[in-house]
Amino acid sequence: MHDYEMIVIGSGPSGRRAAVQAAKLGKSVLVVEKGRRVGGVSVHTGTIPSKTLRETVLNLSGWRERGFYGRSYRVKQDIGAPDLMARLHKTLDHEVEVLEHQFSRNGVRTARGEARFVSPHDVEITGETGEHTTVSGAHILVAVGTRPFRPDYVPFNGTSVFDSDEIVELPRLPRSLAVIGAGVIGVEYATIFSALDVQVTLIEPRSSFLDFIDKELIEEFTHELRDRNVSLRLGSKVAAIELGHDGHPICRLSDGRTVSSEMLLFAAGRVGATDTLNLGAAGLEVDHRGRLQVDPKTLQTSVPHIYAAGDVIGFPSLASTSMEQGRVAACHAFGLAPPPPPEFFPYGIYSVPEMSTVGMSEEEVRKREIPYECGIARFRETSRGHIMGLNTGMMKMIFSVKTRRLLGVHIVGEGATELIHIGQAVLNLKGTIDYFIENTFNYPTLAEAYKIAGLDAWNRLSRG
C-alpha cells in the first residue's frame, strides 16, 4: 500500500497537467514543489516572465506604432526596471492564483520542500525548516524542469552578469548588453532589450543560429536585427570573461575581438534540475546534461512506474508539449490510453519580431527529395498590415507538387505565434492548397497572408 497513487515532483506545465489529469481520474495525488510558490520555472523565471517582459517592453516603448510615428516614438519616455517589474509581478500572482485554485478544486494536495528518492517508490521531502517527511507513491512523475548552465569561467554576480533565470529580476536597465548564446532564450532576450533601444551584442560560437527554423525565415529575421543595429558575433567562441575596474563585463573572443558592455546575459544552455533527486536510489541515471531518457510514447523511464516529462527529458522543451507529456504520462499510469499525438506541433519563439513554425522546413523537404513549391506573403501586402504600420513580416508556405498538400508554414512578424495555428490545423488534417484558395478570410486581417501565400504558390504550381 502507498500513501498516494501518484506523486508529482515539480509543478511546472507537465507536473501541473499530470496532477490534474490523475485527480480527474479519481486518484490521490501529491505535488512536491521546492519553490516558494507553485508553478515551477515556467511561471516564475521562464516562459511567463519572459513573455510578460516582452509584452511590457512592446507596450511601453511604443514599438508596434513606430512604423507610423517613427523610431523616436515612445509611449513612456523614461522606462526603468520598476516599470517592467510591476506588470511582471501582477501577472505571476495571477498565474499562481489560478494554479492553486485548479489544484484545490481537483483535490490535488501539495507539499513544499525538496524531494529526493530513498527507494523506487519512496520520496523524502525536506521542508523549509529542515524537517523530513517520507511519502510513498504507486507511480511517480519527475517533472523538475531545468536550470541555467553556469560554467565556472563566467563571473556571475547578480549585478552585471546574469543567467537567464536571474535576468527577470533585473535591478536596472543597462545602456548596453552582451548576450552569450543565440538559442531560443538568448535570441528572445537580445531582441526584447533591443526594442528598448539598448545596444545589444549577440555572441554565438556556431556560424549559424536557430538551425531548426527555415533558413529563409532566419535570413529575414537577421536582416531586421542588423537594421536595428544589433551586433551579431557568429562563429565567435568566448575565450574569457572578466570584470573591468567599473565592474562591467568584458568578453574576449577567440578571434581576437573584445565585447565590452554594461551587463552580460549568459544563456548558453540549460541542464536538468536532477542533481538533488538522488536518482540512484530509484535505479535511474541521467545523461551528461542531467536529463532523463523516456519512452516517447508512454513517458516511462527505465523504471516502469516512474515517469518523466517536460524539459527534464529534453527536446522540444516547450510549455505546450510539456503539458501534453504530463497528461499522457498520467493517462498511461492508470491504464487510460490517450489518443495518439498529432504529427505536427507549432514552435513559437517570442523574439521581437516573433517567429513561429509548423511542419517541414524547405531544407527538410529538399532532404527528403519531395517535389515542392513555395508561396510567400509579406505582411505589408495586407490591408491589416498597412493599418498596423507594418513594414516587415512574412509568411512562407510549402506545398507538395504531387499531392498539393501543405507541408509546412513558417512565419516571422507580428502575431506569428497566433497565426500559425491555422496552418497547424490544415497540416494535421492533411489539407491541400485548395483550402487557402477556396476559403474566405476576415478582411482586413493578417490571416489574409495565408490567401496571398496560397495564391503565390498556386500560380507557380499552375505553371509547373
Protein backbone atom coordinates (compact mmCIF):
# COMPACT_ATOMS: atom_id res chain seq x y z
CA MET A 1 0.00 0.00 0.00
CA HIS A 2 1.19 3.52 -0.82
CA ASP A 3 0.36 6.95 0.59
CA TYR A 4 -0.54 8.29 -2.85
CA GLU A 5 -1.42 6.76 -6.17
CA MET A 6 0.75 9.40 -7.87
CA ILE A 7 3.49 11.68 -6.59
CA VAL A 8 4.49 14.51 -8.91
CA ILE A 9 7.86 16.17 -8.29
CA GLY A 10 7.63 19.67 -9.74
CA SER A 11 4.63 21.90 -10.53
CA GLY A 12 5.57 23.29 -13.94
CA PRO A 13 3.47 22.70 -17.09
CA SER A 14 3.99 18.92 -17.22
CA GLY A 15 3.64 18.35 -13.47
CA ARG A 16 0.55 20.52 -13.25
CA ARG A 17 -1.20 18.80 -16.13
CA ALA A 18 -0.29 15.29 -14.88
CA ALA A 19 -1.53 16.03 -11.37
CA VAL A 20 -4.87 17.40 -12.53
CA GLN A 21 -5.35 14.56 -15.04
CA ALA A 22 -4.67 11.92 -12.38
CA ALA A 23 -7.03 13.68 -9.96
CA LYS A 24 -9.79 13.77 -12.59
CA LEU A 25 -9.36 10.00 -12.87
CA GLY A 26 -10.18 9.78 -9.15
CA LYS A 27 -6.62 9.14 -7.99
CA SER A 28 -4.91 10.51 -4.88
CA VAL A 29 -2.16 12.93 -5.94
CA LEU A 30 0.61 14.81 -4.15
CA VAL A 31 2.62 17.55 -5.87
CA VAL A 32 6.01 18.36 -4.31
CA GLU A 33 7.37 21.82 -5.12
CA LYS A 34 10.61 23.20 -3.69
CA GLY A 35 9.91 26.79 -4.77
CA ARG A 36 8.14 29.35 -2.63
CA ARG A 37 5.00 29.02 -4.74
CA VAL A 38 3.65 26.50 -7.23
CA GLY A 39 4.20 26.99 -10.95
CA GLY A 40 7.80 25.90 -11.46
CA VAL A 41 10.33 27.53 -13.74
CA SER A 42 7.67 28.22 -16.38
CA VAL A 43 5.72 30.59 -14.13
CA HIS A 44 8.48 32.14 -12.03
CA THR A 45 11.62 32.51 -14.15
CA GLY A 46 10.96 31.14 -17.64
CA THR A 47 8.03 31.20 -20.03
CA ILE A 48 5.56 33.55 -18.32
CA PRO A 49 8.10 36.13 -17.04
CA SER A 50 9.95 36.42 -20.34
CA LYS A 51 6.74 36.77 -22.36
CA THR A 52 5.34 39.28 -19.85
CA LEU A 53 8.57 41.25 -20.05
CA ARG A 54 8.31 41.21 -23.84
CA GLU A 55 4.72 42.48 -23.83
CA THR A 56 5.56 45.23 -21.32
CA VAL A 57 8.52 46.38 -23.39
CA LEU A 58 6.50 46.47 -26.62
CA ASN A 59 3.70 48.43 -24.96
CA LEU A 60 5.76 51.00 -23.04
CA SER A 61 8.26 51.55 -25.84
CA GLY A 62 5.54 52.07 -28.45
CA TRP A 63 7.32 49.53 -30.63
CA ARG A 64 4.23 48.47 -32.55
CA GLU A 65 3.41 52.06 -33.55
CA ARG A 66 6.85 53.11 -34.78
CA GLY A 67 6.00 52.11 -38.35
CA PHE A 68 3.67 55.12 -38.40
CA TYR A 69 5.18 57.57 -35.96
CA GLY A 70 8.91 56.95 -36.46
CA ARG A 71 11.67 55.31 -34.47
CA SER A 72 11.71 58.05 -31.84
CA TYR A 73 8.08 57.37 -30.82
CA ARG A 74 7.60 56.32 -27.18
CA VAL A 75 4.54 55.66 -25.02
CA LYS A 76 6.65 56.27 -21.90
CA GLN A 77 9.74 58.36 -22.33
CA ASP A 78 11.86 57.06 -19.47
CA ILE A 79 11.38 53.33 -18.94
CA GLY A 80 13.04 51.79 -15.89
CA ALA A 81 13.29 48.35 -14.32
CA PRO A 82 10.40 49.11 -11.86
CA ASP A 83 8.10 49.70 -14.87
CA LEU A 84 8.91 46.21 -16.13
CA MET A 85 8.68 44.51 -12.73
CA ALA A 86 5.25 45.94 -11.82
CA ARG A 87 3.46 44.15 -14.64
CA LEU A 88 5.59 41.04 -14.20
CA HIS A 89 4.67 40.52 -10.54
CA LYS A 90 0.99 41.18 -11.18
CA THR A 91 0.96 38.56 -13.95
CA LEU A 92 2.83 35.99 -11.85
CA ASP A 93 0.47 36.46 -8.92
CA HIS A 94 -2.47 35.79 -11.23
CA GLU A 95 -0.85 32.65 -12.70
CA VAL A 96 -0.13 31.21 -9.24
CA GLU A 97 -3.64 32.01 -8.02
CA VAL A 98 -5.20 30.21 -11.00
CA LEU A 99 -2.96 27.17 -10.47
CA GLU A 100 -3.61 26.99 -6.71
CA HIS A 101 -7.35 27.14 -7.39
CA GLN A 102 -7.04 24.42 -10.03
CA PHE A 103 -5.26 22.13 -7.55
CA SER A 104 -7.78 22.94 -4.83
CA ARG A 105 -10.92 22.21 -6.83
CA ASN A 106 -9.46 18.94 -8.14
CA GLY A 107 -8.33 17.71 -4.72
CA VAL A 108 -4.61 17.75 -5.52
CA ARG A 109 -2.50 18.01 -2.36
CA THR A 110 0.73 19.98 -2.36
CA ALA A 111 3.87 19.80 -0.22
CA ARG A 112 6.54 22.49 -0.14
CA GLY A 113 10.07 21.17 0.08
CA GLU A 114 12.90 19.48 -1.76
CA ALA A 115 12.28 15.90 -2.86
CA ARG A 116 14.79 13.06 -3.07
CA PHE A 117 14.31 9.38 -3.72
CA VAL A 118 15.10 6.94 -0.90
CA SER A 119 13.78 3.95 -2.87
CA PRO A 120 11.96 3.40 -6.18
CA HIS A 121 8.59 4.12 -4.50
CA ASP A 122 9.58 6.36 -1.58
CA VAL A 123 10.33 10.07 -1.66
CA GLU A 124 11.77 12.08 1.21
CA ILE A 125 10.66 15.72 1.41
CA THR A 126 12.89 18.20 3.22
CA GLY A 127 10.91 21.24 4.33
CA GLU A 128 11.99 24.85 4.65
CA THR A 129 12.99 24.45 8.31
CA GLY A 130 14.84 21.17 7.70
CA GLU A 131 12.12 18.74 8.79
CA HIS A 132 11.93 15.45 6.87
CA THR A 133 8.83 13.61 5.71
CA THR A 134 8.80 10.40 3.67
CA VAL A 135 5.89 9.52 1.41
CA SER A 136 5.37 6.62 -0.95
CA GLY A 137 3.71 6.60 -4.35
CA ALA A 138 2.46 3.82 -6.61
CA HIS A 139 3.51 6.00 -9.54
CA ILE A 140 5.96 8.89 -9.56
CA LEU A 141 6.42 11.60 -12.19
CA VAL A 142 9.68 13.54 -12.33
CA ALA A 143 8.83 16.98 -13.70
CA VAL A 144 11.59 19.11 -12.19
CA GLY A 145 12.46 21.01 -15.37
CA THR A 146 15.85 22.59 -15.95
CA ARG A 147 18.13 25.29 -14.58
CA PRO A 148 20.63 27.50 -16.41
CA PHE A 149 24.04 26.06 -17.24
CA ARG A 150 26.54 28.09 -15.19
CA PRO A 151 30.15 27.36 -16.20
CA ASP A 152 32.99 28.30 -13.85
CA TYR A 153 34.56 30.80 -16.24
CA VAL A 154 31.53 33.10 -16.12
CA PRO A 155 31.71 35.56 -13.16
CA PHE A 156 28.01 35.56 -12.25
CA ASN A 157 27.32 38.25 -9.66
CA GLY A 158 23.63 39.23 -9.96
CA THR A 159 24.51 42.86 -10.64
CA SER A 160 26.21 42.94 -14.04
CA VAL A 161 26.48 39.26 -15.05
CA PHE A 162 23.27 37.21 -15.09
CA ASP A 163 21.94 33.83 -16.13
CA SER A 164 18.56 33.50 -17.87
CA ASP A 165 16.68 32.92 -14.59
CA GLU A 166 18.16 36.00 -12.90
CA ILE A 167 17.57 38.42 -15.77
CA VAL A 168 13.83 38.65 -15.00
CA GLU A 169 14.70 40.40 -11.71
CA LEU A 170 16.93 42.97 -13.40
CA PRO A 171 17.85 45.73 -10.89
CA ARG A 172 18.13 48.43 -13.58
CA LEU A 173 18.13 48.79 -17.35
CA PRO A 174 21.60 48.80 -18.95
CA ARG A 175 22.69 51.01 -21.82
CA SER A 176 24.44 48.04 -23.42
CA LEU A 177 24.03 44.26 -23.12
CA ALA A 178 26.08 41.32 -24.35
CA VAL A 179 24.20 38.03 -24.73
CA ILE A 180 26.18 34.78 -24.95
CA GLY A 181 24.19 32.03 -26.67
CA ALA A 182 21.96 32.51 -29.70
CA GLY A 183 19.50 29.79 -28.78
CA VAL A 184 15.81 30.48 -28.23
CA ILE A 185 16.30 32.13 -24.81
CA GLY A 186 19.29 34.22 -25.88
CA VAL A 187 17.58 35.46 -29.05
CA GLU A 188 14.38 36.32 -27.19
CA TYR A 189 16.13 38.43 -24.54
CA ALA A 190 18.53 40.02 -27.04
CA THR A 191 15.65 41.30 -29.17
CA ILE A 192 13.50 42.33 -26.19
CA PHE A 193 16.27 44.58 -24.87
CA SER A 194 16.99 45.83 -28.37
CA ALA A 195 13.36 47.02 -28.56
CA LEU A 196 14.18 49.19 -25.53
CA ASP A 197 16.99 50.75 -27.59
CA VAL A 198 19.64 49.00 -25.50
CA GLN A 199 22.76 48.37 -27.59
CA VAL A 200 22.87 44.55 -27.87
CA THR A 201 25.67 42.24 -28.99
CA LEU A 202 24.68 38.61 -29.57
CA ILE A 203 27.58 36.14 -29.33
CA GLU A 204 27.33 32.57 -30.68
CA PRO A 205 30.21 30.10 -31.23
CA ARG A 206 28.45 28.46 -34.18
CA SER A 207 28.34 30.13 -37.56
CA SER A 208 24.52 29.99 -37.61
CA PHE A 209 21.69 30.03 -35.08
CA LEU A 210 18.22 28.50 -34.61
CA ASP A 211 19.05 25.87 -37.22
CA PHE A 212 15.71 24.08 -36.79
CA ILE A 213 13.94 27.06 -38.39
CA ASP A 214 13.62 27.53 -42.14
CA LYS A 215 16.74 29.35 -43.37
CA GLU A 216 14.80 31.91 -45.41
CA LEU A 217 12.96 32.93 -42.24
CA ILE A 218 16.25 33.30 -40.36
CA GLU A 219 17.64 35.43 -43.19
CA GLU A 220 14.63 37.75 -42.92
CA PHE A 221 14.97 37.86 -39.15
CA THR A 222 18.72 38.54 -39.30
CA HIS A 223 18.20 41.39 -41.76
CA GLU A 224 15.80 43.06 -39.33
CA LEU A 225 18.23 42.64 -36.41
CA ARG A 226 21.05 44.24 -38.37
CA ASP A 227 18.72 47.06 -39.40
CA ARG A 228 18.13 47.71 -35.67
CA ASN A 229 21.89 47.79 -35.08
CA VAL A 230 22.03 44.51 -33.14
CA SER A 231 25.63 43.30 -33.41
CA LEU A 232 25.90 39.61 -34.32
CA ARG A 233 29.13 37.83 -33.43
CA LEU A 234 28.53 34.44 -35.05
CA GLY A 235 31.31 31.86 -35.17
CA SER A 236 32.94 33.54 -32.18
CA LYS A 237 33.80 31.48 -29.12
CA VAL A 238 34.25 33.21 -25.78
CA ALA A 239 37.85 32.78 -24.65
CA ALA A 240 37.49 34.63 -21.34
CA ILE A 241 35.17 36.89 -19.38
CA GLU A 242 36.49 39.41 -16.89
CA LEU A 243 35.14 42.38 -15.00
CA GLY A 244 36.62 45.82 -15.66
CA HIS A 245 37.54 48.33 -12.95
CA ASP A 246 33.99 49.70 -13.19
CA GLY A 247 32.50 46.23 -12.68
CA HIS A 248 31.33 45.98 -16.28
CA PRO A 249 31.91 42.64 -18.06
CA ILE A 250 34.45 42.29 -20.84
CA CYS A 251 34.18 39.30 -23.21
CA ARG A 252 37.35 38.31 -25.01
CA LEU A 253 36.56 36.27 -28.11
CA SER A 254 38.71 33.58 -29.71
CA ASP A 255 39.01 35.64 -32.91
CA GLY A 256 40.79 38.41 -31.01
CA ARG A 257 37.80 40.75 -30.73
CA THR A 258 36.58 42.20 -27.45
CA VAL A 259 32.98 42.94 -26.46
CA SER A 260 32.54 45.39 -23.60
CA SER A 261 29.06 46.01 -22.19
CA GLU A 262 27.34 47.33 -19.10
CA MET A 263 25.67 43.96 -18.48
CA LEU A 264 26.09 40.37 -19.65
CA LEU A 265 23.49 37.64 -20.03
CA PHE A 266 24.83 34.09 -20.26
CA ALA A 267 22.13 32.00 -21.98
CA ALA A 268 24.13 29.13 -23.48
CA GLY A 269 22.17 26.08 -22.49
CA ARG A 270 20.25 24.58 -19.59
CA VAL A 271 20.67 21.36 -17.61
CA GLY A 272 18.16 19.08 -15.93
CA ALA A 273 17.49 20.05 -12.30
CA THR A 274 18.01 16.45 -11.21
CA ASP A 275 21.23 16.66 -9.17
CA THR A 276 19.45 16.71 -5.77
CA LEU A 277 16.92 13.94 -6.53
CA ASN A 278 19.20 11.04 -5.53
CA LEU A 279 18.03 9.20 -8.64
CA GLY A 280 20.41 6.31 -7.99
CA ALA A 281 18.16 5.20 -5.13
CA ALA A 282 15.36 4.79 -7.66
CA GLY A 283 17.57 2.95 -10.15
CA LEU A 284 17.73 5.86 -12.59
CA GLU A 285 20.58 7.55 -14.43
CA VAL A 286 20.83 10.86 -16.30
CA ASP A 287 22.84 11.94 -19.33
CA HIS A 288 25.68 14.49 -19.29
CA ARG A 289 23.14 17.33 -19.20
CA GLY A 290 21.15 15.91 -16.29
CA ARG A 291 18.27 14.73 -18.45
CA LEU A 292 16.27 11.51 -18.15
CA GLN A 293 15.60 9.15 -21.03
CA VAL A 294 11.99 8.03 -21.52
CA ASP A 295 9.85 6.01 -23.89
CA PRO A 296 8.47 8.79 -26.14
CA LYS A 297 5.04 7.16 -26.34
CA THR A 298 4.45 6.40 -22.65
CA LEU A 299 6.92 8.79 -20.92
CA GLN A 300 8.13 5.87 -18.77
CA THR A 301 11.73 5.83 -17.59
CA SER A 302 13.77 2.63 -17.32
CA VAL A 303 11.87 2.02 -14.06
CA PRO A 304 8.30 1.41 -15.34
CA HIS A 305 6.33 3.08 -12.52
CA ILE A 306 8.50 6.21 -12.67
CA TYR A 307 7.69 8.69 -15.43
CA ALA A 308 9.40 11.89 -16.56
CA ALA A 309 8.03 14.78 -18.61
CA GLY A 310 8.77 18.34 -19.61
CA ASP A 311 12.14 19.99 -20.09
CA VAL A 312 13.88 17.35 -17.96
CA ILE A 313 13.57 14.90 -20.88
CA GLY A 314 14.93 17.36 -23.47
CA PHE A 315 13.58 18.30 -26.88
CA PRO A 316 11.30 20.03 -27.68
CA SER A 317 11.29 21.75 -24.25
CA LEU A 318 8.11 23.72 -24.89
CA ALA A 319 5.48 24.52 -22.26
CA SER A 320 2.77 23.41 -24.71
CA THR A 321 4.29 20.00 -25.42
CA SER A 322 5.26 19.56 -21.75
CA MET A 323 1.60 19.87 -20.76
CA GLU A 324 0.65 17.12 -23.17
CA GLN A 325 3.51 14.93 -21.95
CA GLY A 326 2.24 15.26 -18.38
CA ARG A 327 -1.28 14.30 -19.42
CA VAL A 328 -0.04 11.31 -21.43
CA ALA A 329 2.08 10.07 -18.51
CA ALA A 330 -0.85 10.25 -16.08
CA CYS A 331 -3.20 8.52 -18.50
CA HIS A 332 -0.72 5.70 -19.17
CA ALA A 333 -0.01 5.22 -15.46
CA PHE A 334 -3.67 4.49 -14.78
CA GLY A 335 -4.44 2.42 -17.85
CA LEU A 336 -6.15 5.08 -19.94
CA ALA A 337 -4.86 5.23 -23.48
CA PRO A 338 -4.77 8.85 -24.71
CA PRO A 339 -5.25 9.49 -28.42
CA PRO A 340 -2.02 9.48 -30.42
CA PRO A 341 -0.31 12.89 -30.54
CA PRO A 342 -0.68 14.89 -33.75
CA GLU A 343 2.14 14.55 -36.24
CA PHE A 344 2.99 18.26 -36.19
CA PHE A 345 3.04 20.81 -33.36
CA PRO A 346 3.87 24.51 -33.59
CA TYR A 347 7.10 26.01 -32.35
CA GLY A 348 6.90 29.61 -31.16
CA ILE A 349 9.81 31.95 -30.48
CA TYR A 350 8.79 35.13 -28.66
CA SER A 351 11.52 37.31 -30.04
CA VAL A 352 10.96 40.78 -31.49
CA PRO A 353 9.68 40.10 -34.11
CA GLU A 354 8.03 36.78 -33.29
CA MET A 355 8.79 33.62 -35.21
CA SER A 356 6.65 30.52 -35.43
CA THR A 357 6.87 27.38 -37.49
CA VAL A 358 5.00 24.12 -38.02
CA GLY A 359 5.73 21.21 -40.31
CA MET A 360 8.77 20.79 -42.53
CA SER A 361 11.24 23.50 -43.43
CA GLU A 362 12.36 23.92 -47.03
CA GLU A 363 15.67 22.27 -46.09
CA GLU A 364 13.84 19.20 -44.73
CA VAL A 365 11.63 18.94 -47.81
CA ARG A 366 14.67 19.06 -50.10
CA LYS A 367 16.48 16.49 -47.98
CA ARG A 368 13.53 14.10 -48.39
CA GLU A 369 13.56 14.82 -52.14
CA ILE A 370 9.89 15.81 -52.20
CA PRO A 371 8.93 17.89 -55.26
CA TYR A 372 7.62 21.12 -53.78
CA GLU A 373 6.70 24.72 -54.36
CA CYS A 374 6.62 27.71 -52.01
CA GLY A 375 4.29 30.66 -51.61
CA ILE A 376 5.35 33.90 -49.92
CA ALA A 377 3.25 36.72 -48.44
CA ARG A 378 4.61 39.95 -46.98
CA PHE A 379 2.59 41.47 -44.16
CA ARG A 380 2.90 44.85 -45.81
CA GLU A 381 0.86 43.38 -48.71
CA THR A 382 -2.17 43.00 -46.42
CA SER A 383 -4.55 45.85 -45.63
CA ARG A 384 -4.30 44.98 -41.95
CA GLY A 385 -0.54 45.30 -42.22
CA HIS A 386 -0.93 48.81 -43.62
CA ILE A 387 -3.37 49.73 -40.84
CA MET A 388 -0.90 48.47 -38.22
CA GLY A 389 2.04 50.22 -39.87
CA LEU A 390 3.95 47.01 -40.52
CA ASN A 391 6.93 47.34 -42.80
CA THR A 392 8.28 43.86 -42.12
CA GLY A 393 6.95 40.35 -41.55
CA MET A 394 6.42 37.44 -43.90
CA MET A 395 4.70 34.10 -44.23
CA LYS A 396 6.10 31.18 -46.19
CA MET A 397 4.07 28.09 -47.08
CA ILE A 398 5.41 24.92 -48.67
CA PHE A 399 3.25 22.56 -50.75
CA SER A 400 3.82 19.20 -52.39
CA VAL A 401 3.72 19.37 -56.19
CA LYS A 402 2.30 15.83 -56.49
CA THR A 403 -0.38 15.86 -53.78
CA ARG A 404 -0.87 19.63 -53.40
CA ARG A 405 -0.79 19.02 -49.64
CA LEU A 406 0.56 21.61 -47.21
CA LEU A 407 3.98 20.56 -45.91
CA GLY A 408 4.99 23.46 -43.69
CA VAL A 409 4.20 27.02 -42.59
CA HIS A 410 6.83 29.49 -41.40
CA ILE A 411 6.06 32.99 -40.13
CA VAL A 412 8.17 35.89 -38.88
CA GLY A 413 6.47 39.09 -37.77
CA GLU A 414 3.70 40.49 -35.61
CA GLY A 415 1.28 37.84 -34.35
CA ALA A 416 3.26 34.90 -35.78
CA THR A 417 2.63 32.65 -32.76
CA GLU A 418 -1.14 33.18 -33.09
CA LEU A 419 -1.35 32.97 -36.89
CA ILE A 420 0.50 29.63 -37.01
CA HIS A 421 -2.50 27.68 -35.69
CA ILE A 422 -4.42 27.99 -38.95
CA GLY A 423 -1.53 26.29 -40.73
CA GLN A 424 -1.24 23.73 -37.93
CA ALA A 425 -4.89 22.71 -38.34
CA VAL A 426 -4.68 22.36 -42.12
CA LEU A 427 -1.40 20.46 -41.85
CA ASN A 428 -2.63 17.91 -39.30
CA LEU A 429 -5.90 17.47 -41.20
CA LYS A 430 -3.85 16.74 -44.34
CA GLY A 431 -5.28 19.72 -46.17
CA THR A 432 -4.17 20.98 -49.57
CA ILE A 433 -3.54 24.33 -51.21
CA ASP A 434 -7.20 24.35 -52.23
CA TYR A 435 -8.23 25.24 -48.67
CA PHE A 436 -6.41 28.57 -48.88
CA ILE A 437 -7.59 29.32 -52.43
CA GLU A 438 -11.25 28.50 -51.91
CA ASN A 439 -11.90 29.85 -48.40
CA THR A 440 -12.70 33.39 -47.34
CA PHE A 441 -10.65 35.07 -44.62
CA ASN A 442 -11.79 38.00 -42.49
CA TYR A 443 -10.86 41.35 -44.03
CA PRO A 444 -8.75 43.16 -43.03
CA THR A 445 -6.63 40.66 -41.07
CA LEU A 446 -3.06 39.42 -41.04
CA ALA A 447 -4.53 35.95 -41.64
CA GLU A 448 -5.14 37.08 -45.22
CA ALA A 449 -1.45 36.32 -45.68
CA TYR A 450 -2.50 32.66 -45.95
CA LYS A 451 -4.59 33.53 -49.01
CA ILE A 452 -1.81 35.63 -50.55
CA ALA A 453 0.86 32.98 -49.97
CA GLY A 454 -1.53 30.27 -51.20
CA LEU A 455 -2.22 32.15 -54.44
CA ASP A 456 1.50 32.80 -54.87
CA ALA A 457 2.22 29.07 -54.63
CA TRP A 458 -0.81 28.20 -56.79
CA ASN A 459 0.50 30.43 -59.60
CA ARG A 460 3.79 28.58 -59.52
CA LEU A 461 2.13 25.16 -59.33
CA SER A 462 -0.15 26.01 -62.24
CA ARG A 463 2.82 26.84 -64.43
CA GLY A 464 4.61 23.59 -63.48
